[in-house]
Amino acid sequence: MQSIGERVAKLREKRSLTQEELARLLSVNQSAVSHWEKGIRNIPSEQVGKIAIALNTSCDYLILGKKSC
C-alpha cells in the first residue's frame, strides 16, 4: 500500500515536475517536498488541497489512494 508521500512523488514524476518546481507551485521549499515524499514529515492539511490542484488529482486519491467516483 502506497503512502501519501509515495503518491505525491509518483504523480509529480508522471507530470514531469521536479521537487523544486512542485515546491515553487506550493510556495514551500524543495526540502519540504522531499521530506513529504519520503515520509519524514507529514503533509500539513492545508497543503493537501494545493497539492491536489497542482498535480491534477483529488484529495481522496492523495489521502486514501482511491479514485473518486
PDB file of N, CA and C in Angstrom:
ATOM      1  N   MET A   1       0.841  -1.184   0.000  1.00  0.00           N
ATOM      2  CA  MET A   1       0.000   0.000   0.000  1.00  0.00           C
ATOM      3  C   MET A   1       0.886   1.247   0.000  1.00  0.00           C
ATOM      4  N   GLN A   2       0.595   2.163  -0.894  1.00  0.00           N
ATOM      5  CA  GLN A   2       1.380   3.388  -1.011  1.00  0.00           C
ATOM      6  C   GLN A   2       0.984   4.407   0.054  1.00  0.00           C
ATOM      7  N   SER A   3       1.965   5.170   0.483  1.00  0.00           N
ATOM      8  CA  SER A   3       1.699   6.278   1.406  1.00  0.00           C
ATOM      9  C   SER A   3       1.335   7.518   0.593  1.00  0.00           C
ATOM     10  N   ILE A   4       0.839   8.526   1.284  1.00  0.00           N
ATOM     11  CA  ILE A   4       0.508   9.776   0.605  1.00  0.00           C
ATOM     12  C   ILE A   4       1.755  10.366  -0.063  1.00  0.00           C
ATOM     13  N   GLY A   5       2.891  10.295   0.609  1.00  0.00           N
ATOM     14  CA  GLY A   5       4.129  10.810   0.038  1.00  0.00           C
ATOM     15  C   GLY A   5       4.529  10.081  -1.233  1.00  0.00           C
ATOM     16  N   GLU A   6       4.348   8.771  -1.233  1.00  0.00           N
ATOM     17  CA  GLU A   6       4.660   7.992  -2.432  1.00  0.00           C
ATOM     18  C   GLU A   6       3.727   8.350  -3.586  1.00  0.00           C
ATOM     19  N   ARG A   7       2.448   8.595  -3.271  1.00  0.00           N
ATOM     20  CA  ARG A   7       1.509   9.003  -4.317  1.00  0.00           C
ATOM     21  C   ARG A   7       1.876  10.370  -4.877  1.00  0.00           C
ATOM     22  N   VAL A   8       2.275  11.291  -3.998  1.00  0.00           N
ATOM     23  CA  VAL A   8       2.695  12.618  -4.455  1.00  0.00           C
ATOM     24  C   VAL A   8       3.897  12.481  -5.385  1.00  0.00           C
ATOM     25  N   ALA A   9       4.890  11.707  -4.990  1.00  0.00           N
ATOM     26  CA  ALA A   9       6.102  11.532  -5.804  1.00  0.00           C
ATOM     27  C   ALA A   9       5.764  10.927  -7.165  1.00  0.00           C
ATOM     28  N   LYS A  10       4.922   9.909  -7.156  1.00  0.00           N
ATOM     29  CA  LYS A  10       4.555   9.232  -8.409  1.00  0.00           C
ATOM     30  C   LYS A  10       3.829  10.195  -9.352  1.00  0.00           C
ATOM     31  N   LEU A  11       2.870  10.940  -8.830  1.00  0.00           N
ATOM     32  CA  LEU A  11       2.128  11.898  -9.654  1.00  0.00           C
ATOM     33  C   LEU A  11       3.018  13.030 -10.141  1.00  0.00           C
ATOM     34  N   ARG A  12       3.892  13.502  -9.262  1.00  0.00           N
ATOM     35  CA  ARG A  12       4.808  14.577  -9.641  1.00  0.00           C
ATOM     36  C   ARG A  12       5.694  14.126 -10.805  1.00  0.00           C
ATOM     37  N   GLU A  13       6.241  12.933 -10.690  1.00  0.00           N
ATOM     38  CA  GLU A  13       7.101  12.410 -11.745  1.00  0.00           C
ATOM     39  C   GLU A  13       6.311  12.170 -13.032  1.00  0.00           C
ATOM     40  N   LYS A  14       5.085  11.679 -12.898  1.00  0.00           N
ATOM     41  CA  LYS A  14       4.236  11.436 -14.062  1.00  0.00           C
ATOM     42  C   LYS A  14       3.985  12.727 -14.832  1.00  0.00           C
ATOM     43  N   ARG A  15       3.943  13.841 -14.131  1.00  0.00           N
ATOM     44  CA  ARG A  15       3.698  15.141 -14.755  1.00  0.00           C
ATOM     45  C   ARG A  15       5.005  15.871 -15.093  1.00  0.00           C
ATOM     46  N   SER A  16       6.113  15.138 -14.981  1.00  0.00           N
ATOM     47  CA  SER A  16       7.449  15.672 -15.328  1.00  0.00           C
ATOM     48  C   SER A  16       7.807  16.935 -14.564  1.00  0.00           C
ATOM     49  N   LEU A  17       7.449  16.961 -13.292  1.00  0.00           N
ATOM     50  CA  LEU A  17       7.807  18.074 -12.421  1.00  0.00           C
ATOM     51  C   LEU A  17       8.944  17.654 -11.497  1.00  0.00           C
ATOM     52  N   THR A  18       9.860  18.560 -11.239  1.00  0.00           N
ATOM     53  CA  THR A  18      10.879  18.311 -10.230  1.00  0.00           C
ATOM     54  C   THR A  18      10.306  18.670  -8.868  1.00  0.00           C
ATOM     55  N   GLN A  19      10.992  18.243  -7.822  1.00  0.00           N
ATOM     56  CA  GLN A  19      10.565  18.631  -6.480  1.00  0.00           C
ATOM     57  C   GLN A  19      10.616  20.149  -6.344  1.00  0.00           C
ATOM     58  N   GLU A  20      11.610  20.758  -6.930  1.00  0.00           N
ATOM     59  CA  GLU A  20      11.747  22.219  -6.858  1.00  0.00           C
ATOM     60  C   GLU A  20      10.578  22.923  -7.557  1.00  0.00           C
ATOM     61  N   GLU A  21      10.152  22.401  -8.702  1.00  0.00           N
ATOM     62  CA  GLU A  21       9.030  23.005  -9.429  1.00  0.00           C
ATOM     63  C   GLU A  21       7.738  22.864  -8.632  1.00  0.00           C
ATOM     64  N   LEU A  22       7.510  21.686  -8.052  1.00  0.00           N
ATOM     65  CA  LEU A  22       6.309  21.499  -7.231  1.00  0.00           C
ATOM     66  C   LEU A  22       6.377  22.413  -6.008  1.00  0.00           C
ATOM     67  N   ALA A  23       7.532  22.492  -5.396  1.00  0.00           N
ATOM     68  CA  ALA A  23       7.689  23.366  -4.230  1.00  0.00           C
ATOM     69  C   ALA A  23       7.348  24.803  -4.573  1.00  0.00           C
ATOM     70  N   ARG A  24       7.793  25.261  -5.735  1.00  0.00           N
ATOM     71  CA  ARG A  24       7.504  26.632  -6.168  1.00  0.00           C
ATOM     72  C   ARG A  24       5.995  26.834  -6.321  1.00  0.00           C
ATOM     73  N   LEU A  25       5.308  25.855  -6.901  1.00  0.00           N
ATOM     74  CA  LEU A  25       3.858  25.953  -7.065  1.00  0.00           C
ATOM     75  C   LEU A  25       3.137  26.021  -5.722  1.00  0.00           C
ATOM     76  N   LEU A  26       3.723  25.383  -4.707  1.00  0.00           N
ATOM     77  CA  LEU A  26       3.096  25.314  -3.384  1.00  0.00           C
ATOM     78  C   LEU A  26       3.604  26.382  -2.421  1.00  0.00           C
ATOM     79  N   SER A  27       4.567  27.192  -2.868  1.00  0.00           N
ATOM     80  CA  SER A  27       5.191  28.219  -2.023  1.00  0.00           C
ATOM     81  C   SER A  27       5.847  27.631  -0.771  1.00  0.00           C
ATOM     82  N   VAL A  28       6.548  26.510  -0.970  1.00  0.00           N
ATOM     83  CA  VAL A  28       7.339  25.886   0.091  1.00  0.00           C
ATOM     84  C   VAL A  28       8.738  25.646  -0.471  1.00  0.00           C
ATOM     85  N   ASN A  29       9.658  25.190   0.369  1.00  0.00           N
ATOM     86  CA  ASN A  29      10.979  24.899  -0.158  1.00  0.00           C
ATOM     87  C   ASN A  29      11.067  23.435  -0.612  1.00  0.00           C
ATOM     88  N   GLN A  30      12.057  23.162  -1.430  1.00  0.00           N
ATOM     89  CA  GLN A  30      12.224  21.834  -2.019  1.00  0.00           C
ATOM     90  C   GLN A  30      12.412  20.762  -0.955  1.00  0.00           C
ATOM     91  N   SER A  31      13.077  21.101   0.144  1.00  0.00           N
ATOM     92  CA  SER A  31      13.298  20.092   1.182  1.00  0.00           C
ATOM     93  C   SER A  31      11.982  19.659   1.830  1.00  0.00           C
ATOM     94  N   ALA A  32      10.995  20.542   1.893  1.00  0.00           N
ATOM     95  CA  ALA A  32       9.685  20.159   2.434  1.00  0.00           C
ATOM     96  C   ALA A  32       9.050  19.087   1.560  1.00  0.00           C
ATOM     97  N   VAL A  33       9.084  19.295   0.233  1.00  0.00           N
ATOM     98  CA  VAL A  33       8.522  18.308  -0.697  1.00  0.00           C
ATOM     99  C   VAL A  33       9.270  16.984  -0.555  1.00  0.00           C
ATOM    100  N   SER A  34      10.586  17.042  -0.476  1.00  0.00           N
ATOM    101  CA  SER A  34      11.395  15.831  -0.319  1.00  0.00           C
ATOM    102  C   SER A  34      11.016  15.075   0.950  1.00  0.00           C
ATOM    103  N   HIS A  35      10.882  15.797   2.051  1.00  0.00           N
ATOM    104  CA  HIS A  35      10.524  15.163   3.325  1.00  0.00           C
ATOM    105  C   HIS A  35       9.123  14.558   3.281  1.00  0.00           C
ATOM    106  N   TRP A  36       8.189  15.227   2.616  1.00  0.00           N
ATOM    107  CA  TRP A  36       6.832  14.681   2.484  1.00  0.00           C
ATOM    108  C   TRP A  36       6.863  13.384   1.683  1.00  0.00           C
ATOM    109  N   GLU A  37       7.570  13.418   0.558  1.00  0.00           N
ATOM    110  CA  GLU A  37       7.605  12.249  -0.308  1.00  0.00           C
ATOM    111  C   GLU A  37       8.278  11.052   0.368  1.00  0.00           C
ATOM    112  N   LYS A  38       9.270  11.313   1.201  1.00  0.00           N
ATOM    113  CA  LYS A  38       9.988  10.235   1.902  1.00  0.00           C
ATOM    114  C   LYS A  38       9.284   9.805   3.184  1.00  0.00           C
ATOM    115  N   GLY A  39       8.241  10.540   3.581  1.00  0.00           N
ATOM    116  CA  GLY A  39       7.527  10.211   4.806  1.00  0.00           C
ATOM    117  C   GLY A  39       8.233  10.669   6.064  1.00  0.00           C
ATOM    118  N   ILE A  40       9.223  11.545   5.916  1.00  0.00           N
ATOM    119  CA  ILE A  40       9.951  12.077   7.067  1.00  0.00           C
ATOM    120  C   ILE A  40       9.075  13.051   7.843  1.00  0.00           C
ATOM    121  N   ARG A  41       8.278  13.815   7.108  1.00  0.00           N
ATOM    122  CA  ARG A  41       7.334  14.763   7.704  1.00  0.00           C
ATOM    123  C   ARG A  41       5.954  14.527   7.115  1.00  0.00           C
ATOM    124  N   ASN A  42       4.947  14.779   7.924  1.00  0.00           N
ATOM    125  CA  ASN A  42       3.574  14.701   7.432  1.00  0.00           C
ATOM    126  C   ASN A  42       3.253  15.947   6.619  1.00  0.00           C
ATOM    127  N   ILE A  43       2.413  15.765   5.622  1.00  0.00           N
ATOM    128  CA  ILE A  43       1.985  16.903   4.810  1.00  0.00           C
ATOM    129  C   ILE A  43       0.931  17.675   5.600  1.00  0.00           C
ATOM    130  N   PRO A  44       1.152  18.980   5.802  1.00  0.00           N
ATOM    131  CA  PRO A  44       0.139  19.773   6.510  1.00  0.00           C
ATOM    132  C   PRO A  44      -1.195  19.735   5.763  1.00  0.00           C
ATOM    133  N   SER A  45      -2.274  19.671   6.506  1.00  0.00           N
ATOM    134  CA  SER A  45      -3.591  19.546   5.891  1.00  0.00           C
ATOM    135  C   SER A  45      -3.892  20.669   4.915  1.00  0.00           C
ATOM    136  N   GLU A  46      -3.404  21.875   5.197  1.00  0.00           N
ATOM    137  CA  GLU A  46      -3.674  22.989   4.293  1.00  0.00           C
ATOM    138  C   GLU A  46      -2.943  22.855   2.963  1.00  0.00           C
ATOM    139  N   GLN A  47      -1.946  21.988   2.903  1.00  0.00           N
ATOM    140  CA  GLN A  47      -1.210  21.784   1.658  1.00  0.00           C
ATOM    141  C   GLN A  47      -1.821  20.690   0.782  1.00  0.00           C
ATOM    142  N   VAL A  48      -2.608  19.799   1.344  1.00  0.00           N
ATOM    143  CA  VAL A  48      -3.153  18.673   0.577  1.00  0.00           C
ATOM    144  C   VAL A  48      -3.984  19.156  -0.612  1.00  0.00           C
ATOM    145  N   GLY A  49      -4.856  20.112  -0.398  1.00  0.00           N
ATOM    146  CA  GLY A  49      -5.671  20.654  -1.492  1.00  0.00           C
ATOM    147  C   GLY A  49      -4.828  21.324  -2.557  1.00  0.00           C
ATOM    148  N   LYS A  50      -3.801  22.048  -2.121  1.00  0.00           N
ATOM    149  CA  LYS A  50      -2.910  22.706  -3.078  1.00  0.00           C
ATOM    150  C   LYS A  50      -2.144  21.688  -3.911  1.00  0.00           C
ATOM    151  N   ILE A  51      -1.714  20.617  -3.266  1.00  0.00           N
ATOM    152  CA  ILE A  51      -1.002  19.555  -3.986  1.00  0.00           C
ATOM    153  C   ILE A  51      -1.938  18.892  -4.989  1.00  0.00           C
ATOM    154  N   ALA A  52      -3.167  18.626  -4.568  1.00  0.00           N
ATOM    155  CA  ALA A  52      -4.147  18.001  -5.465  1.00  0.00           C
ATOM    156  C   ALA A  52      -4.361  18.859  -6.710  1.00  0.00           C
ATOM    157  N   ILE A  53      -4.482  20.150  -6.537  1.00  0.00           N
ATOM    158  CA  ILE A  53      -4.670  21.052  -7.675  1.00  0.00           C
ATOM    159  C   ILE A  53      -3.432  21.047  -8.558  1.00  0.00           C
ATOM    160  N   ALA A  54      -2.261  21.174  -7.945  1.00  0.00           N
ATOM    161  CA  ALA A  54      -1.011  21.224  -8.709  1.00  0.00           C
ATOM    162  C   ALA A  54      -0.771  19.948  -9.506  1.00  0.00           C
ATOM    163  N   LEU A  55      -1.208  18.806  -8.960  1.00  0.00           N
ATOM    164  CA  LEU A  55      -0.973  17.520  -9.618  1.00  0.00           C
ATOM    165  C   LEU A  55      -2.205  16.986 -10.344  1.00  0.00           C
ATOM    166  N   ASN A  56      -3.247  17.834 -10.414  1.00  0.00           N
ATOM    167  CA  ASN A  56      -4.463  17.488 -11.142  1.00  0.00           C
ATOM    168  C   ASN A  56      -5.044  16.146 -10.685  1.00  0.00           C
ATOM    169  N   THR A  57      -5.271  16.048  -9.384  1.00  0.00           N
ATOM    170  CA  THR A  57      -5.841  14.838  -8.806  1.00  0.00           C
ATOM    171  C   THR A  57      -6.814  15.252  -7.707  1.00  0.00           C
ATOM    172  N   SER A  58      -7.357  14.295  -7.002  1.00  0.00           N
ATOM    173  CA  SER A  58      -8.291  14.597  -5.914  1.00  0.00           C
ATOM    174  C   SER A  58      -7.611  14.428  -4.556  1.00  0.00           C
ATOM    175  N   CYS A  59      -8.155  15.089  -3.565  1.00  0.00           N
ATOM    176  CA  CYS A  59      -7.673  14.909  -2.200  1.00  0.00           C
ATOM    177  C   CYS A  59      -7.906  13.468  -1.752  1.00  0.00           C
ATOM    178  N   ASP A  60      -9.025  12.887  -2.169  1.00  0.00           N
ATOM    179  CA  ASP A  60      -9.319  11.490  -1.829  1.00  0.00           C
ATOM    180  C   ASP A  60      -8.215  10.566  -2.316  1.00  0.00           C
ATOM    181  N   TYR A  61      -7.751  10.795  -3.531  1.00  0.00           N
ATOM    182  CA  TYR A  61      -6.684   9.938  -4.053  1.00  0.00           C
ATOM    183  C   TYR A  61      -5.398  10.141  -3.250  1.00  0.00           C
ATOM    184  N   LEU A  62      -5.047  11.383  -2.969  1.00  0.00           N
ATOM    185  CA  LEU A  62      -3.825  11.626  -2.224  1.00  0.00           C
ATOM    186  C   LEU A  62      -3.877  10.992  -0.839  1.00  0.00           C
ATOM    187  N   ILE A  63      -4.975  11.208  -0.144  1.00  0.00           N
ATOM    188  CA  ILE A  63      -5.079  10.750   1.249  1.00  0.00           C
ATOM    189  C   ILE A  63      -5.371   9.262   1.351  1.00  0.00           C
ATOM    190  N   LEU A  64      -6.335   8.794   0.564  1.00  0.00           N
ATOM    191  CA  LEU A  64      -6.797   7.416   0.703  1.00  0.00           C
ATOM    192  C   LEU A  64      -6.310   6.468  -0.390  1.00  0.00           C
ATOM    193  N   GLY A  65      -5.807   7.031  -1.469  1.00  0.00           N
ATOM    194  CA  GLY A  65      -5.383   6.183  -2.585  1.00  0.00           C
ATOM    195  C   GLY A  65      -6.546   5.711  -3.431  1.00  0.00           C
ATOM    196  N   LYS A  66      -7.710   6.348  -3.259  1.00  0.00           N
ATOM    197  CA  LYS A  66      -8.908   5.942  -4.004  1.00  0.00           C
ATOM    198  C   LYS A  66      -9.230   6.978  -5.070  1.00  0.00           C
ATOM    199  N   LYS A  67      -9.543   6.490  -6.235  1.00  0.00           N
ATOM    200  CA  LYS A  67     -10.006   7.393  -7.305  1.00  0.00           C
ATOM    201  C   LYS A  67     -11.435   7.777  -6.981  1.00  0.00           C
ATOM    202  N   SER A  68     -11.767   9.045  -7.268  1.00  0.00           N
ATOM    203  CA  SER A  68     -13.132   9.493  -6.987  1.00  0.00           C
ATOM    204  C   SER A  68     -14.107   8.922  -8.001  1.00  0.00           C
ATOM    205  N   CYS A  69     -15.378   8.872  -7.605  1.00  0.00           N
ATOM    206  CA  CYS A  69     -16.423   8.305  -8.465  1.00  0.00           C
ATOM    207  C   CYS A  69     -16.812   9.258  -9.559  1.00  0.00           C
TER     208      CYS A  69
END
